Amino acid sequence: MPFMMTEVMKKAQRNMESQFKRQQQYQQRYQQVQNEGEINVDYTPPKAKKKFSFKKDEGEFVDFEEIKK
């Protein structure tokens, strides 16, 4: 059982190290490519859909007057 735990921990450590190295490499490449004063947009959110859209035949607005008695 202890042997199995040490192997699992070693594997997790290797995975973390490889992720860390990949992140460092990405950051180094990104910094080399980007010039000073240059703006890069990595993500643009999708355009929002209109919440309320009615077809022409789905009803109409009727003016009214309030009658007080």
PDB file of N, CA and C in Angstrom:
ATOM      1  N   MET A   1       0.818  -1.202   0.000  1.00  0.00           N
ATOM      2  CA  MET A   1       0.000   0.000   0.000  1.00  0.00           C
ATOM      3  C   MET A   1       0.860   1.263   0.000  1.00  0.00           C
ATOM      4  N   PRO A   2       1.884   1.379   0.869  1.00  0.00           N
ATOM      5  CA  PRO A   2       2.705   2.591   0.847  1.00  0.00           C
ATOM      6  C   PRO A   2       3.427   2.771  -0.490  1.00  0.00           C
ATOM      7  N   PHE A   3       3.848   1.670  -1.102  1.00  0.00           N
ATOM      8  CA  PHE A   3       4.511   1.751  -2.396  1.00  0.00           C
ATOM      9  C   PHE A   3       3.588   2.354  -3.446  1.00  0.00           C
ATOM     10  N   MET A   4       2.322   1.951  -3.409  1.00  0.00           N
ATOM     11  CA  MET A   4       1.342   2.451  -4.358  1.00  0.00           C
ATOM     12  C   MET A   4       1.120   3.959  -4.176  1.00  0.00           C
ATOM     13  N   MET A   5       1.062   4.391  -2.938  1.00  0.00           N
ATOM     14  CA  MET A   5       0.854   5.821  -2.653  1.00  0.00           C
ATOM     15  C   MET A   5       2.030   6.649  -3.142  1.00  0.00           C
ATOM     16  N   THR A   6       3.242   6.148  -2.959  1.00  0.00           N
ATOM     17  CA  THR A   6       4.411   6.913  -3.417  1.00  0.00           C
ATOM     18  C   THR A   6       4.423   7.007  -4.935  1.00  0.00           C
ATOM     19  N   GLU A   7       4.019   5.946  -5.625  1.00  0.00           N
ATOM     20  CA  GLU A   7       3.972   5.973  -7.085  1.00  0.00           C
ATOM     21  C   GLU A   7       2.915   6.966  -7.573  1.00  0.00           C
ATOM     22  N   VAL A   8       1.770   6.989  -6.907  1.00  0.00           N
ATOM     23  CA  VAL A   8       0.704   7.924  -7.276  1.00  0.00           C
ATOM     24  C   VAL A   8       1.178   9.362  -7.057  1.00  0.00           C
ATOM     25  N   MET A   9       1.857   9.602  -5.970  1.00  0.00           N
ATOM     26  CA  MET A   9       2.356  10.946  -5.673  1.00  0.00           C
ATOM     27  C   MET A   9       3.430  11.356  -6.681  1.00  0.00           C
ATOM     28  N   LYS A  10       4.300  10.442  -7.063  1.00  0.00           N
ATOM     29  CA  LYS A  10       5.338  10.744  -8.050  1.00  0.00           C
ATOM     30  C   LYS A  10       4.711  11.085  -9.400  1.00  0.00           C
ATOM     31  N   LYS A  11       3.695  10.331  -9.778  1.00  0.00           N
ATOM     32  CA  LYS A  11       3.019  10.588 -11.051  1.00  0.00           C
ATOM     33  C   LYS A  11       2.337  11.956 -11.033  1.00  0.00           C
ATOM     34  N   ALA A  12       1.686  12.288  -9.936  1.00  0.00           N
ATOM     35  CA  ALA A  12       1.036  13.595  -9.803  1.00  0.00           C
ATOM     36  C   ALA A  12       2.067  14.713  -9.877  1.00  0.00           C
ATOM     37  N   GLN A  13       3.215  14.508  -9.253  1.00  0.00           N
ATOM     38  CA  GLN A  13       4.278  15.515  -9.274  1.00  0.00           C
ATOM     39  C   GLN A  13       4.807  15.702 -10.699  1.00  0.00           C
ATOM     40  N   ARG A  14       4.992  14.615 -11.428  1.00  0.00           N
ATOM     41  CA  ARG A  14       5.477  14.715 -12.813  1.00  0.00           C
ATOM     42  C   ARG A  14       4.472  15.465 -13.679  1.00  0.00           C
ATOM     43  N   ASN A  15       3.177  15.188 -13.473  1.00  0.00           N
ATOM     44  CA  ASN A  15       2.139  15.884 -14.237  1.00  0.00           C
ATOM     45  C   ASN A  15       2.165  17.378 -13.948  1.00  0.00           C
ATOM     46  N   MET A  16       2.292  17.752 -12.692  1.00  0.00           N
ATOM     47  CA  MET A  16       2.341  19.169 -12.321  1.00  0.00           C
ATOM     48  C   MET A  16       3.569  19.850 -12.901  1.00  0.00           C
ATOM     49  N   GLU A  17       4.710  19.159 -12.861  1.00  0.00           N
ATOM     50  CA  GLU A  17       5.931  19.727 -13.416  1.00  0.00           C
ATOM     51  C   GLU A  17       5.800  19.957 -14.915  1.00  0.00           C
ATOM     52  N   SER A  18       5.212  19.013 -15.617  1.00  0.00           N
ATOM     53  CA  SER A  18       5.064  19.171 -17.067  1.00  0.00           C
ATOM     54  C   SER A  18       4.097  20.310 -17.396  1.00  0.00           C
ATOM     55  N   GLN A  19       3.025  20.458 -16.630  1.00  0.00           N
ATOM     56  CA  GLN A  19       2.102  21.569 -16.847  1.00  0.00           C
ATOM     57  C   GLN A  19       2.793  22.903 -16.589  1.00  0.00           C
ATOM     58  N   PHE A  20       3.588  22.958 -15.542  1.00  0.00           N
ATOM     59  CA  PHE A  20       4.301  24.179 -15.200  1.00  0.00           C
ATOM     60  C   PHE A  20       5.282  24.550 -16.311  1.00  0.00           C
ATOM     61  N   LYS A  21       6.002  23.551 -16.842  1.00  0.00           N
ATOM     62  CA  LYS A  21       6.963  23.809 -17.923  1.00  0.00           C
ATOM     63  C   LYS A  21       6.250  24.295 -19.181  1.00  0.00           C
ATOM     64  N   ARG A  22       5.122  23.678 -19.518  1.00  0.00           N
ATOM     65  CA  ARG A  22       4.362  24.120 -20.694  1.00  0.00           C
ATOM     66  C   ARG A  22       3.883  25.558 -20.530  1.00  0.00           C
ATOM     67  N   GLN A  23       3.427  25.904 -19.341  1.00  0.00           N
ATOM     68  CA  GLN A  23       2.956  27.267 -19.085  1.00  0.00           C
ATOM     69  C   GLN A  23       4.098  28.258 -19.223  1.00  0.00           C
ATOM     70  N   GLN A  24       5.263  27.915 -18.710  1.00  0.00           N
ATOM     71  CA  GLN A  24       6.423  28.801 -18.819  1.00  0.00           C
ATOM     72  C   GLN A  24       6.823  28.985 -20.279  1.00  0.00           C
ATOM     73  N   GLN A  25       6.827  27.913 -21.042  1.00  0.00           N
ATOM     74  CA  GLN A  25       7.186  28.005 -22.448  1.00  0.00           C
ATOM     75  C   GLN A  25       6.197  28.887 -23.202  1.00  0.00           C
ATOM     76  N   TYR A  26       4.918  28.731 -22.922  1.00  0.00           N
ATOM     77  CA  TYR A  26       3.896  29.548 -23.567  1.00  0.00           C
ATOM     78  C   TYR A  26       4.111  31.024 -23.244  1.00  0.00           C
ATOM     79  N   GLN A  27       4.359  31.328 -21.978  1.00  0.00           N
ATOM     80  CA  GLN A  27       4.559  32.721 -21.579  1.00  0.00           C
ATOM     81  C   GLN A  27       5.794  33.309 -22.237  1.00  0.00           C
ATOM     82  N   GLN A  28       6.861  32.543 -22.337  1.00  0.00           N
ATOM     83  CA  GLN A  28       8.076  33.040 -22.972  1.00  0.00           C
ATOM     84  C   GLN A  28       7.830  33.315 -24.450  1.00  0.00           C
ATOM     85  N   ARG A  29       7.157  32.410 -25.147  1.00  0.00           N
ATOM     86  CA  ARG A  29       6.858  32.634 -26.569  1.00  0.00           C
ATOM     87  C   ARG A  29       5.944  33.828 -26.747  1.00  0.00           C
ATOM     88  N   TYR A  30       4.954  33.960 -25.900  1.00  0.00           N
ATOM     89  CA  TYR A  30       3.992  35.051 -26.003  1.00  0.00           C
ATOM     90  C   TYR A  30       4.683  36.391 -25.780  1.00  0.00           C
ATOM     91  N   GLN A  31       5.593  36.457 -24.823  1.00  0.00           N
ATOM     92  CA  GLN A  31       6.300  37.703 -24.549  1.00  0.00           C
ATOM     93  C   GLN A  31       7.242  38.065 -25.689  1.00  0.00           C
ATOM     94  N   GLN A  32       7.831  37.091 -26.348  1.00  0.00           N
ATOM     95  CA  GLN A  32       8.726  37.360 -27.458  1.00  0.00           C
ATOM     96  C   GLN A  32       7.958  37.861 -28.677  1.00  0.00           C
ATOM     97  N   VAL A  33       6.781  37.335 -28.908  1.00  0.00           N
ATOM     98  CA  VAL A  33       6.002  37.686 -30.087  1.00  0.00           C
ATOM     99  C   VAL A  33       5.372  39.069 -29.953  1.00  0.00           C
ATOM    100  N   GLN A  34       4.907  39.410 -28.783  1.00  0.00           N
ATOM    101  CA  GLN A  34       4.176  40.654 -28.585  1.00  0.00           C
ATOM    102  C   GLN A  34       5.135  41.835 -28.507  1.00  0.00           C
ATOM    103  N   ASN A  35       4.874  42.843 -29.327  1.00  0.00           N
ATOM    104  CA  ASN A  35       5.670  44.061 -29.317  1.00  0.00           C
ATOM    105  C   ASN A  35       5.107  45.047 -28.305  1.00  0.00           C
ATOM    106  N   GLU A  36       5.916  45.979 -27.896  1.00  0.00           N
ATOM    107  CA  GLU A  36       5.474  46.961 -26.909  1.00  0.00           C
ATOM    108  C   GLU A  36       4.392  47.842 -27.524  1.00  0.00           C
ATOM    109  N   GLY A  37       3.325  48.060 -26.782  1.00  0.00           N
ATOM    110  CA  GLY A  37       2.221  48.883 -27.240  1.00  0.00           C
ATOM    111  C   GLY A  37       1.209  48.126 -28.088  1.00  0.00           C
ATOM    112  N   GLU A  38       1.443  46.882 -28.354  1.00  0.00           N
ATOM    113  CA  GLU A  38       0.549  46.076 -29.171  1.00  0.00           C
ATOM    114  C   GLU A  38      -0.492  45.413 -28.280  1.00  0.00           C
ATOM    115  N   ILE A  39      -1.711  45.340 -28.753  1.00  0.00           N
ATOM    116  CA  ILE A  39      -2.794  44.740 -27.975  1.00  0.00           C
ATOM    117  C   ILE A  39      -3.283  43.499 -28.702  1.00  0.00           C
ATOM    118  N   ASN A  40      -3.357  42.395 -27.981  1.00  0.00           N
ATOM    119  CA  ASN A  40      -3.888  41.143 -28.523  1.00  0.00           C
ATOM    120  C   ASN A  40      -5.093  40.729 -27.699  1.00  0.00           C
ATOM    121  N   VAL A  41      -6.161  40.346 -28.378  1.00  0.00           N
ATOM    122  CA  VAL A  41      -7.369  39.894 -27.700  1.00  0.00           C
ATOM    123  C   VAL A  41      -7.472  38.391 -27.901  1.00  0.00           C
ATOM    124  N   ASP A  42      -7.388  37.647 -26.800  1.00  0.00           N
ATOM    125  CA  ASP A  42      -7.448  36.194 -26.872  1.00  0.00           C
ATOM    126  C   ASP A  42      -8.886  35.685 -26.885  1.00  0.00           C
ATOM    127  N   TYR A  43      -9.800  36.447 -26.303  1.00  0.00           N
ATOM    128  CA  TYR A  43     -11.165  35.965 -26.161  1.00  0.00           C
ATOM    129  C   TYR A  43     -12.135  37.104 -26.407  1.00  0.00           C
ATOM    130  N   THR A  44     -13.127  36.870 -27.214  1.00  0.00           N
ATOM    131  CA  THR A  44     -14.204  37.828 -27.377  1.00  0.00           C
ATOM    132  C   THR A  44     -15.500  37.098 -27.021  1.00  0.00           C
ATOM    133  N   PRO A  45     -16.283  37.653 -26.120  1.00  0.00           N
ATOM    134  CA  PRO A  45     -17.515  36.978 -25.702  1.00  0.00           C
ATOM    135  C   PRO A  45     -18.522  36.930 -26.854  1.00  0.00           C
ATOM    136  N   PRO A  46     -19.355  35.932 -26.867  1.00  0.00           N
ATOM    137  CA  PRO A  46     -20.367  35.851 -27.931  1.00  0.00           C
ATOM    138  C   PRO A  46     -21.353  37.004 -27.808  1.00  0.00           C
ATOM    139  N   LYS A  47     -21.879  37.419 -28.932  1.00  0.00           N
ATOM    140  CA  LYS A  47     -22.835  38.532 -28.909  1.00  0.00           C
ATOM    141  C   LYS A  47     -24.113  38.096 -28.211  1.00  0.00           C
ATOM    142  N   ALA A  48     -24.630  38.994 -27.397  1.00  0.00           N
ATOM    143  CA  ALA A  48     -25.840  38.694 -26.627  1.00  0.00           C
ATOM    144  C   ALA A  48     -27.052  38.687 -27.557  1.00  0.00           C
ATOM    145  N   LYS A  49     -27.903  37.736 -27.342  1.00  0.00           N
ATOM    146  CA  LYS A  49     -29.133  37.675 -28.108  1.00  0.00           C
ATOM    147  C   LYS A  49     -30.157  38.598 -27.465  1.00  0.00           C
ATOM    148  N   LYS A  50     -31.056  39.099 -28.280  1.00  0.00           N
ATOM    149  CA  LYS A  50     -32.114  39.941 -27.730  1.00  0.00           C
ATOM    150  C   LYS A  50     -33.028  39.073 -26.876  1.00  0.00           C
ATOM    151  N   LYS A  51     -33.324  39.549 -25.688  1.00  0.00           N
ATOM    152  CA  LYS A  51     -34.150  38.764 -24.772  1.00  0.00           C
ATOM    153  C   LYS A  51     -35.615  38.750 -25.209  1.00  0.00           C
ATOM    154  N   PHE A  52     -36.099  39.891 -25.674  1.00  0.00           N
ATOM    155  CA  PHE A  52     -37.500  39.999 -26.026  1.00  0.00           C
ATOM    156  C   PHE A  52     -37.608  40.322 -27.506  1.00  0.00           C
ATOM    157  N   SER A  53     -37.956  39.349 -28.262  1.00  0.00           N
ATOM    158  CA  SER A  53     -38.180  39.592 -29.681  1.00  0.00           C
ATOM    159  C   SER A  53     -39.549  39.034 -30.031  1.00  0.00           C
ATOM    160  N   PHE A  54     -40.391  39.892 -30.544  1.00  0.00           N
ATOM    161  CA  PHE A  54     -41.741  39.509 -30.894  1.00  0.00           C
ATOM    162  C   PHE A  54     -41.916  39.633 -32.397  1.00  0.00           C
ATOM    163  N   LYS A  55     -42.666  38.721 -32.937  1.00  0.00           N
ATOM    164  CA  LYS A  55     -43.007  38.795 -34.352  1.00  0.00           C
ATOM    165  C   LYS A  55     -44.137  39.804 -34.508  1.00  0.00           C
ATOM    166  N   LYS A  56     -44.318  40.277 -35.719  1.00  0.00           N
ATOM    167  CA  LYS A  56     -45.354  41.290 -35.964  1.00  0.00           C
ATOM    168  C   LYS A  56     -46.757  40.765 -35.689  1.00  0.00           C
ATOM    169  N   ASP A  57     -46.985  39.489 -35.868  1.00  0.00           N
ATOM    170  CA  ASP A  57     -48.326  38.941 -35.688  1.00  0.00           C
ATOM    171  C   ASP A  57     -48.575  38.389 -34.281  1.00  0.00           C
ATOM    172  N   GLU A  58     -47.727  38.703 -33.323  1.00  0.00           N
ATOM    173  CA  GLU A  58     -47.883  38.178 -31.966  1.00  0.00           C
ATOM    174  C   GLU A  58     -48.606  39.141 -31.033  1.00  0.00           C
ATOM    175  N   GLY A  59     -49.271  40.101 -31.545  1.00  0.00           N
ATOM    176  CA  GLY A  59     -50.013  41.008 -30.690  1.00  0.00           C
ATOM    177  C   GLY A  59     -49.758  42.439 -31.086  1.00  0.00           C
ATOM    178  N   GLU A  60     -50.429  43.342 -30.406  1.00  0.00           N
ATOM    179  CA  GLU A  60     -50.275  44.749 -30.728  1.00  0.00           C
ATOM    180  C   GLU A  60     -50.480  45.587 -29.480  1.00  0.00           C
ATOM    181  N   PHE A  61     -50.035  46.802 -29.546  1.00  0.00           N
ATOM    182  CA  PHE A  61     -50.192  47.728 -28.443  1.00  0.00           C
ATOM    183  C   PHE A  61     -51.454  48.539 -28.684  1.00  0.00           C
ATOM    184  N   VAL A  62     -52.283  48.642 -27.660  1.00  0.00           N
ATOM    185  CA  VAL A  62     -53.540  49.377 -27.787  1.00  0.00           C
ATOM    186  C   VAL A  62     -53.517  50.542 -26.809  1.00  0.00           C
ATOM    187  N   ASP A  63     -53.705  51.766 -27.342  1.00  0.00           N
ATOM    188  CA  ASP A  63     -53.814  52.932 -26.467  1.00  0.00           C
ATOM    189  C   ASP A  63     -55.129  52.841 -25.710  1.00  0.00           C
ATOM    190  N   PHE A  64     -55.124  53.330 -24.487  1.00  0.00           N
ATOM    191  CA  PHE A  64     -56.354  53.301 -23.726  1.00  0.00           C
ATOM    192  C   PHE A  64     -56.435  54.558 -22.873  1.00  0.00           C
ATOM    193  N   GLU A  65     -57.642  54.867 -22.496  1.00  0.00           N
ATOM    194  CA  GLU A  65     -57.874  55.989 -21.587  1.00  0.00           C
ATOM    195  C   GLU A  65     -58.552  55.426 -20.353  1.00  0.00           C
ATOM    196  N   GLU A  66     -58.136  55.947 -19.221  1.00  0.00           N
ATOM    197  CA  GLU A  66     -58.715  55.502 -17.974  1.00  0.00           C
ATOM    198  C   GLU A  66     -59.955  56.362 -17.699  1.00  0.00           C
ATOM    199  N   ILE A  67     -61.070  55.698 -17.442  1.00  0.00           N
ATOM    200  CA  ILE A  67     -62.324  56.409 -17.180  1.00  0.00           C
ATOM    201  C   ILE A  67     -62.593  56.312 -15.689  1.00  0.00           C
ATOM    202  N   LYS A  68     -62.716  57.474 -15.053  1.00  0.00           N
ATOM    203  CA  LYS A  68     -63.015  57.521 -13.620  1.00  0.00           C
ATOM    204  C   LYS A  68     -64.475  57.824 -13.421  1.00  0.00           C
ATOM    205  N   LYS A  69     -65.126  57.145 -12.476  1.00  0.00           N
ATOM    206  CA  LYS A  69     -66.545  57.381 -12.208  1.00  0.00           C
ATOM    207  C   LYS A  69     -66.719  58.112 -10.917  1.00  0.00           C
TER     208      LYS A  69
END
